[in-house]
């Protein structure tokens, strides 16, 4: 399993996302847009506006973006702090070199899993323990 940090900016107003795109370009963040359109087959989505999304992923891009936007965040500030903590931890614990000089990738630490569970819990409104149990059930993390 590979965990990649990401930031999503979602809105129904395309002009707002175009302005966000400009700002992200100014700070040198590699990103791309994904446009989601409502499913016309589903009656509950038929009258909704199309939802647009900017997705920023990858360690360097996410860290660059967080450094810039984190002071302005209110509702997602805790998630931003946790994602930044995860990214810094992975940068420090990504690889190790043995006595023969062989380089191996380090598996995720328990602290990194705990951080992931806390972010997912905040995003989904669930407790980190519930998320951890859900992930254990599908075999994504160690008990």
N, C-alpha and C. Protein backbone atom coordinates (compact mmCIF):
# COMPACT_ATOMS: atom_id res chain seq x y z
N UNK A 1 0.84 -1.17 0.00
CA UNK A 1 0.00 0.00 0.00
C UNK A 1 0.89 1.24 0.00
N UNK A 2 0.54 2.20 -0.84
CA UNK A 2 1.27 3.45 -0.92
C UNK A 2 0.31 4.58 -0.57
N UNK A 3 0.70 5.41 0.36
CA UNK A 3 -0.14 6.53 0.79
C UNK A 3 0.47 7.81 0.25
N UNK A 4 -0.31 8.53 -0.54
CA UNK A 4 0.14 9.81 -1.08
C UNK A 4 -0.72 10.92 -0.50
N UNK A 5 -0.08 11.98 -0.02
CA UNK A 5 -0.86 13.11 0.47
C UNK A 5 -1.49 13.86 -0.70
N UNK A 6 -2.66 14.44 -0.45
CA UNK A 6 -3.28 15.26 -1.49
C UNK A 6 -4.13 16.35 -0.88
N UNK A 7 -4.30 17.40 -1.66
CA UNK A 7 -5.15 18.52 -1.29
C UNK A 7 -6.17 18.66 -2.40
N UNK A 8 -7.44 18.78 -2.03
CA UNK A 8 -8.51 19.00 -3.01
C UNK A 8 -9.22 20.30 -2.68
N UNK A 9 -9.43 21.10 -3.70
CA UNK A 9 -10.25 22.30 -3.59
C UNK A 9 -11.44 22.04 -4.49
N UNK A 10 -12.64 22.05 -3.89
CA UNK A 10 -13.85 21.69 -4.63
C UNK A 10 -14.85 22.83 -4.53
N UNK A 11 -15.48 23.14 -5.67
CA UNK A 11 -16.50 24.18 -5.69
C UNK A 11 -17.34 24.04 -6.94
N UNK A 12 -18.54 24.58 -6.90
CA UNK A 12 -19.40 24.57 -8.10
C UNK A 12 -19.14 25.80 -8.96
N UNK A 13 -18.43 26.79 -8.42
CA UNK A 13 -18.13 28.00 -9.16
C UNK A 13 -16.76 27.87 -9.82
N UNK A 14 -16.77 27.73 -11.12
CA UNK A 14 -15.52 27.52 -11.87
C UNK A 14 -14.58 28.73 -11.78
N UNK A 15 -15.15 29.93 -11.66
CA UNK A 15 -14.31 31.13 -11.56
C UNK A 15 -13.45 31.11 -10.30
N UNK A 16 -14.02 30.62 -9.20
CA UNK A 16 -13.27 30.52 -7.95
C UNK A 16 -12.09 29.57 -8.13
N UNK A 17 -12.34 28.43 -8.77
CA UNK A 17 -11.25 27.46 -8.97
C UNK A 17 -10.22 27.96 -9.97
N UNK A 18 -10.64 28.73 -10.96
CA UNK A 18 -9.67 29.31 -11.89
C UNK A 18 -8.74 30.26 -11.15
N UNK A 19 -9.29 31.03 -10.19
CA UNK A 19 -8.46 31.94 -9.38
C UNK A 19 -7.51 31.13 -8.49
N UNK A 20 -8.01 30.04 -7.91
CA UNK A 20 -7.14 29.16 -7.11
C UNK A 20 -6.02 28.60 -7.97
N UNK A 21 -6.36 28.20 -9.19
CA UNK A 21 -5.36 27.66 -10.12
C UNK A 21 -4.26 28.69 -10.37
N UNK A 22 -4.65 29.95 -10.58
CA UNK A 22 -3.67 31.02 -10.79
C UNK A 22 -2.76 31.17 -9.58
N UNK A 23 -3.36 31.16 -8.39
CA UNK A 23 -2.58 31.31 -7.15
C UNK A 23 -1.61 30.14 -6.96
N UNK A 24 -2.07 28.93 -7.25
CA UNK A 24 -1.20 27.76 -7.13
C UNK A 24 -0.06 27.83 -8.15
N UNK A 25 -0.34 28.33 -9.34
CA UNK A 25 0.71 28.50 -10.35
C UNK A 25 1.76 29.51 -9.87
N UNK A 26 1.29 30.58 -9.23
CA UNK A 26 2.21 31.62 -8.73
C UNK A 26 3.18 31.08 -7.68
N UNK A 27 2.72 30.16 -6.83
CA UNK A 27 3.61 29.63 -5.78
C UNK A 27 4.44 28.45 -6.27
N UNK A 28 4.28 28.10 -7.55
CA UNK A 28 5.09 27.03 -8.13
C UNK A 28 4.62 25.64 -7.79
N UNK A 29 3.34 25.49 -7.57
CA UNK A 29 2.79 24.19 -7.21
C UNK A 29 2.31 23.46 -8.46
N UNK A 30 2.82 22.24 -8.64
CA UNK A 30 2.34 21.42 -9.76
C UNK A 30 0.97 20.89 -9.38
N UNK A 31 -0.02 21.12 -10.20
CA UNK A 31 -1.37 20.63 -9.90
C UNK A 31 -2.14 20.44 -11.19
N UNK A 32 -3.28 19.85 -11.09
CA UNK A 32 -4.14 19.71 -12.25
C UNK A 32 -5.59 19.75 -11.83
N UNK A 33 -6.47 20.01 -12.79
CA UNK A 33 -7.89 20.09 -12.50
C UNK A 33 -8.57 18.79 -12.91
N UNK A 34 -9.56 18.44 -12.16
CA UNK A 34 -10.43 17.34 -12.52
C UNK A 34 -11.85 17.88 -12.47
N UNK A 35 -12.57 17.75 -13.54
CA UNK A 35 -13.95 18.22 -13.57
C UNK A 35 -14.89 17.04 -13.36
N UNK A 36 -15.75 17.19 -12.41
CA UNK A 36 -16.76 16.15 -12.16
C UNK A 36 -18.11 16.70 -12.58
N UNK A 37 -18.81 15.94 -13.34
CA UNK A 37 -20.16 16.34 -13.75
C UNK A 37 -21.16 15.45 -13.03
N UNK A 38 -22.33 16.00 -12.72
CA UNK A 38 -23.32 15.16 -12.04
C UNK A 38 -23.76 14.00 -12.92
N UNK A 39 -24.09 12.91 -12.27
CA UNK A 39 -24.57 11.74 -12.98
C UNK A 39 -26.03 11.96 -13.38
N UNK A 40 -26.28 12.16 -14.67
CA UNK A 40 -27.64 12.46 -15.12
C UNK A 40 -28.59 11.27 -14.98
N UNK A 41 -28.05 10.06 -14.84
CA UNK A 41 -28.89 8.88 -14.66
C UNK A 41 -29.49 8.82 -13.26
N UNK A 42 -28.82 9.45 -12.31
CA UNK A 42 -29.29 9.46 -10.94
C UNK A 42 -30.16 10.69 -10.73
N UNK A 43 -31.42 10.50 -10.41
CA UNK A 43 -32.37 11.62 -10.29
C UNK A 43 -31.97 12.62 -9.22
N UNK A 44 -31.31 12.16 -8.16
CA UNK A 44 -30.94 13.08 -7.09
C UNK A 44 -29.85 14.06 -7.51
N UNK A 45 -29.09 13.76 -8.57
CA UNK A 45 -28.04 14.65 -9.05
C UNK A 45 -28.48 15.48 -10.25
N UNK A 46 -29.65 15.21 -10.79
CA UNK A 46 -30.07 15.81 -12.05
C UNK A 46 -30.09 17.34 -12.01
N UNK A 47 -30.55 17.93 -10.90
CA UNK A 47 -30.69 19.39 -10.82
C UNK A 47 -29.51 20.07 -10.14
N UNK A 48 -28.47 19.34 -9.82
CA UNK A 48 -27.31 19.95 -9.17
C UNK A 48 -26.35 20.54 -10.19
N UNK A 49 -25.62 21.54 -9.73
CA UNK A 49 -24.59 22.16 -10.59
C UNK A 49 -23.41 21.21 -10.72
N UNK A 50 -22.68 21.29 -11.84
CA UNK A 50 -21.45 20.50 -11.94
C UNK A 50 -20.45 20.95 -10.88
N UNK A 51 -19.75 19.99 -10.32
CA UNK A 51 -18.79 20.27 -9.27
C UNK A 51 -17.39 20.17 -9.87
N UNK A 52 -16.57 21.19 -9.65
CA UNK A 52 -15.21 21.23 -10.19
C UNK A 52 -14.22 21.03 -9.05
N UNK A 53 -13.09 20.46 -9.40
CA UNK A 53 -12.11 20.10 -8.37
C UNK A 53 -10.70 20.36 -8.87
N UNK A 54 -9.86 20.95 -7.99
CA UNK A 54 -8.42 21.01 -8.23
C UNK A 54 -7.80 20.03 -7.25
N UNK A 55 -6.97 19.16 -7.77
CA UNK A 55 -6.32 18.16 -6.92
C UNK A 55 -4.82 18.36 -6.99
N UNK A 56 -4.21 18.49 -5.82
CA UNK A 56 -2.76 18.64 -5.72
C UNK A 56 -2.25 17.42 -4.97
N UNK A 57 -1.36 16.67 -5.60
CA UNK A 57 -0.85 15.49 -4.91
C UNK A 57 0.66 15.39 -5.04
N UNK A 58 1.24 14.55 -4.22
CA UNK A 58 2.69 14.40 -4.19
C UNK A 58 3.28 15.17 -3.02
N UNK A 59 4.33 14.63 -2.46
CA UNK A 59 4.93 15.19 -1.25
C UNK A 59 5.39 16.63 -1.44
N UNK A 60 6.13 16.91 -2.49
CA UNK A 60 6.69 18.24 -2.69
C UNK A 60 5.59 19.27 -2.95
N UNK A 61 4.66 18.96 -3.84
CA UNK A 61 3.59 19.90 -4.17
C UNK A 61 2.69 20.18 -2.97
N UNK A 62 2.35 19.14 -2.22
CA UNK A 62 1.49 19.32 -1.05
C UNK A 62 2.18 20.17 0.00
N UNK A 63 3.45 19.88 0.26
CA UNK A 63 4.18 20.65 1.27
C UNK A 63 4.32 22.12 0.86
N UNK A 64 4.64 22.37 -0.41
CA UNK A 64 4.74 23.74 -0.92
C UNK A 64 3.42 24.48 -0.75
N UNK A 65 2.33 23.81 -1.11
CA UNK A 65 1.02 24.44 -1.02
C UNK A 65 0.62 24.69 0.43
N UNK A 66 0.85 23.71 1.30
CA UNK A 66 0.47 23.88 2.70
C UNK A 66 1.22 25.03 3.36
N UNK A 67 2.50 25.17 3.05
CA UNK A 67 3.28 26.28 3.63
C UNK A 67 2.65 27.62 3.30
N UNK A 68 2.05 27.71 2.11
CA UNK A 68 1.46 28.97 1.67
C UNK A 68 0.04 29.17 2.20
N UNK A 69 -0.79 28.14 2.17
CA UNK A 69 -2.21 28.33 2.51
C UNK A 69 -2.56 28.07 3.97
N UNK A 70 -1.72 27.36 4.69
CA UNK A 70 -2.05 26.97 6.06
C UNK A 70 -2.40 28.15 6.98
N UNK A 71 -1.71 29.28 6.90
CA UNK A 71 -2.08 30.40 7.78
C UNK A 71 -3.50 30.92 7.54
N UNK A 72 -4.06 30.66 6.36
CA UNK A 72 -5.39 31.17 6.02
C UNK A 72 -6.50 30.16 6.25
N UNK A 73 -6.15 28.94 6.58
CA UNK A 73 -7.16 27.91 6.79
C UNK A 73 -7.84 28.08 8.14
N UNK A 74 -9.12 27.76 8.17
CA UNK A 74 -9.87 27.81 9.42
C UNK A 74 -10.43 26.42 9.69
N UNK A 75 -11.35 25.96 8.86
CA UNK A 75 -12.04 24.69 9.09
C UNK A 75 -11.13 23.48 8.88
N UNK A 76 -10.18 23.56 8.00
CA UNK A 76 -9.32 22.41 7.67
C UNK A 76 -7.91 22.56 8.23
N UNK A 77 -7.73 23.45 9.18
CA UNK A 77 -6.40 23.72 9.72
C UNK A 77 -5.78 22.47 10.37
N UNK A 78 -6.56 21.73 11.16
CA UNK A 78 -6.03 20.55 11.84
C UNK A 78 -5.60 19.49 10.82
N UNK A 79 -6.42 19.28 9.77
CA UNK A 79 -6.05 18.32 8.74
C UNK A 79 -4.75 18.74 8.06
N UNK A 80 -4.59 20.03 7.80
CA UNK A 80 -3.38 20.54 7.15
C UNK A 80 -2.16 20.27 8.02
N UNK A 81 -2.28 20.52 9.33
CA UNK A 81 -1.17 20.27 10.25
C UNK A 81 -0.78 18.79 10.26
N UNK A 82 -1.79 17.92 10.26
CA UNK A 82 -1.52 16.47 10.29
C UNK A 82 -0.89 15.99 8.98
N UNK A 83 -1.37 16.51 7.86
CA UNK A 83 -0.79 16.12 6.57
C UNK A 83 0.66 16.60 6.49
N UNK A 84 0.91 17.83 6.95
CA UNK A 84 2.30 18.34 6.95
C UNK A 84 3.19 17.47 7.83
N UNK A 85 2.67 17.06 8.99
CA UNK A 85 3.40 16.17 9.90
C UNK A 85 3.71 14.83 9.22
N UNK A 86 2.73 14.27 8.51
CA UNK A 86 2.92 13.01 7.79
C UNK A 86 3.99 13.15 6.71
N UNK A 87 3.92 14.22 5.93
CA UNK A 87 4.87 14.43 4.84
C UNK A 87 6.29 14.57 5.39
N UNK A 88 6.46 15.34 6.45
CA UNK A 88 7.79 15.50 7.05
C UNK A 88 8.32 14.18 7.60
N UNK A 89 7.45 13.40 8.21
CA UNK A 89 7.85 12.10 8.74
C UNK A 89 8.31 11.16 7.62
N UNK A 90 7.56 11.16 6.51
CA UNK A 90 7.93 10.29 5.38
C UNK A 90 9.25 10.73 4.77
N UNK A 91 9.48 12.02 4.70
CA UNK A 91 10.75 12.51 4.15
C UNK A 91 11.92 12.05 5.01
N UNK A 92 11.70 12.03 6.33
CA UNK A 92 12.77 11.62 7.25
C UNK A 92 12.93 10.10 7.30
N UNK A 93 11.85 9.36 7.13
CA UNK A 93 11.86 7.90 7.31
C UNK A 93 11.63 7.12 6.03
N UNK A 94 11.92 7.71 4.89
CA UNK A 94 11.59 7.05 3.63
C UNK A 94 12.51 5.89 3.29
N UNK A 95 13.81 6.09 3.49
CA UNK A 95 14.77 5.03 3.12
C UNK A 95 15.80 4.84 4.22
N UNK A 96 16.40 3.66 4.22
CA UNK A 96 17.52 3.42 5.12
C UNK A 96 18.60 2.68 4.36
N UNK A 97 19.83 2.80 4.83
CA UNK A 97 20.97 2.17 4.17
C UNK A 97 21.62 1.22 5.17
N UNK A 98 21.82 -0.04 4.74
CA UNK A 98 22.44 -1.01 5.65
C UNK A 98 23.97 -0.92 5.57
N UNK A 99 24.68 -1.80 6.29
CA UNK A 99 26.14 -1.76 6.36
C UNK A 99 26.81 -1.99 5.01
N UNK A 100 26.15 -2.77 4.15
CA UNK A 100 26.71 -3.03 2.81
C UNK A 100 26.39 -1.92 1.82
N UNK A 101 25.63 -0.93 2.25
CA UNK A 101 25.30 0.18 1.37
C UNK A 101 23.99 -0.01 0.60
N UNK A 102 23.27 -1.09 0.87
CA UNK A 102 22.00 -1.32 0.19
C UNK A 102 20.93 -0.39 0.76
N UNK A 103 20.15 0.17 -0.14
CA UNK A 103 19.10 1.11 0.27
C UNK A 103 17.76 0.38 0.18
N UNK A 104 16.98 0.50 1.24
CA UNK A 104 15.63 -0.09 1.25
C UNK A 104 14.64 0.97 1.70
N UNK A 105 13.41 0.81 1.19
CA UNK A 105 12.34 1.72 1.58
C UNK A 105 11.77 1.28 2.93
N UNK A 106 11.57 2.24 3.79
CA UNK A 106 11.03 1.97 5.12
C UNK A 106 9.51 1.89 5.04
N UNK A 107 8.93 0.91 5.72
CA UNK A 107 7.48 0.82 5.80
C UNK A 107 6.96 1.93 6.69
N UNK A 108 5.68 2.17 6.63
CA UNK A 108 5.08 3.23 7.42
C UNK A 108 5.21 2.91 8.91
N UNK A 109 5.48 3.94 9.67
CA UNK A 109 5.57 3.77 11.13
C UNK A 109 4.18 3.79 11.74
N UNK A 110 4.08 3.34 12.98
CA UNK A 110 2.79 3.37 13.67
C UNK A 110 2.30 4.80 13.82
N UNK A 111 3.23 5.72 14.07
CA UNK A 111 2.85 7.13 14.21
C UNK A 111 2.26 7.66 12.89
N UNK A 112 2.82 7.24 11.76
CA UNK A 112 2.29 7.67 10.46
C UNK A 112 0.89 7.10 10.24
N UNK A 113 0.67 5.84 10.62
CA UNK A 113 -0.68 5.27 10.52
C UNK A 113 -1.65 6.01 11.42
N UNK A 114 -1.21 6.33 12.62
CA UNK A 114 -2.07 7.07 13.55
C UNK A 114 -2.44 8.44 12.97
N UNK A 115 -1.47 9.10 12.36
CA UNK A 115 -1.72 10.39 11.74
C UNK A 115 -2.73 10.25 10.61
N UNK A 116 -2.55 9.22 9.78
CA UNK A 116 -3.50 8.96 8.69
C UNK A 116 -4.91 8.76 9.24
N UNK A 117 -5.04 7.97 10.29
CA UNK A 117 -6.35 7.71 10.89
C UNK A 117 -6.98 8.99 11.44
N UNK A 118 -6.16 9.85 12.02
CA UNK A 118 -6.68 11.12 12.55
C UNK A 118 -7.19 12.02 11.42
N UNK A 119 -6.46 12.08 10.31
CA UNK A 119 -6.89 12.90 9.17
C UNK A 119 -8.20 12.35 8.60
N UNK A 120 -8.24 11.05 8.37
CA UNK A 120 -9.45 10.43 7.83
C UNK A 120 -10.62 10.61 8.77
N UNK A 121 -10.37 10.53 10.06
CA UNK A 121 -11.43 10.73 11.04
C UNK A 121 -11.99 12.15 11.00
N UNK A 122 -11.11 13.13 10.88
CA UNK A 122 -11.55 14.52 10.79
C UNK A 122 -12.33 14.76 9.50
N UNK A 123 -11.88 14.16 8.41
CA UNK A 123 -12.55 14.35 7.12
C UNK A 123 -13.91 13.67 7.09
N UNK A 124 -14.04 12.53 7.75
CA UNK A 124 -15.27 11.76 7.67
C UNK A 124 -16.15 11.90 8.89
N UNK A 125 -15.70 12.63 9.89
CA UNK A 125 -16.49 12.79 11.10
C UNK A 125 -16.53 11.55 11.96
N UNK A 126 -15.54 10.68 11.81
CA UNK A 126 -15.45 9.46 12.62
C UNK A 126 -14.26 9.57 13.56
N UNK A 127 -14.27 8.74 14.59
CA UNK A 127 -13.13 8.74 15.50
C UNK A 127 -11.96 8.02 14.84
N UNK A 128 -10.73 8.39 15.17
CA UNK A 128 -9.56 7.71 14.61
C UNK A 128 -9.58 6.20 14.87
N UNK A 129 -10.12 5.80 16.02
CA UNK A 129 -10.17 4.37 16.33
C UNK A 129 -11.11 3.62 15.38
N UNK A 130 -12.24 4.22 15.05
CA UNK A 130 -13.17 3.61 14.09
C UNK A 130 -12.50 3.45 12.73
N UNK A 131 -11.78 4.49 12.30
CA UNK A 131 -11.07 4.44 11.01
C UNK A 131 -10.01 3.34 11.06
N UNK A 132 -9.27 3.26 12.15
CA UNK A 132 -8.22 2.25 12.29
C UNK A 132 -8.83 0.85 12.18
N UNK A 133 -9.96 0.63 12.83
CA UNK A 133 -10.62 -0.68 12.76
C UNK A 133 -11.11 -0.98 11.35
N UNK A 134 -11.65 0.04 10.66
CA UNK A 134 -12.08 -0.14 9.28
C UNK A 134 -10.90 -0.53 8.39
N UNK A 135 -9.76 0.15 8.57
CA UNK A 135 -8.58 -0.16 7.77
C UNK A 135 -8.03 -1.54 8.08
N UNK A 136 -8.08 -1.94 9.35
CA UNK A 136 -7.62 -3.28 9.73
C UNK A 136 -8.50 -4.35 9.09
N UNK A 137 -9.81 -4.10 9.05
CA UNK A 137 -10.74 -5.07 8.48
C UNK A 137 -10.43 -5.35 7.01
N UNK A 138 -10.05 -4.33 6.27
CA UNK A 138 -9.75 -4.53 4.85
C UNK A 138 -8.28 -4.83 4.61
N UNK A 139 -7.51 -4.98 5.70
CA UNK A 139 -6.11 -5.38 5.57
C UNK A 139 -5.17 -4.30 5.12
N UNK A 140 -5.53 -3.04 5.34
CA UNK A 140 -4.69 -1.94 4.88
C UNK A 140 -3.56 -1.63 5.85
N UNK A 141 -3.76 -1.87 7.16
CA UNK A 141 -2.70 -1.58 8.12
C UNK A 141 -2.59 -2.74 9.10
N UNK A 142 -1.51 -2.74 9.80
CA UNK A 142 -1.28 -3.77 10.81
C UNK A 142 -2.06 -3.43 12.06
N UNK A 143 -2.48 -4.44 12.83
CA UNK A 143 -3.21 -4.17 14.08
C UNK A 143 -2.33 -3.46 15.10
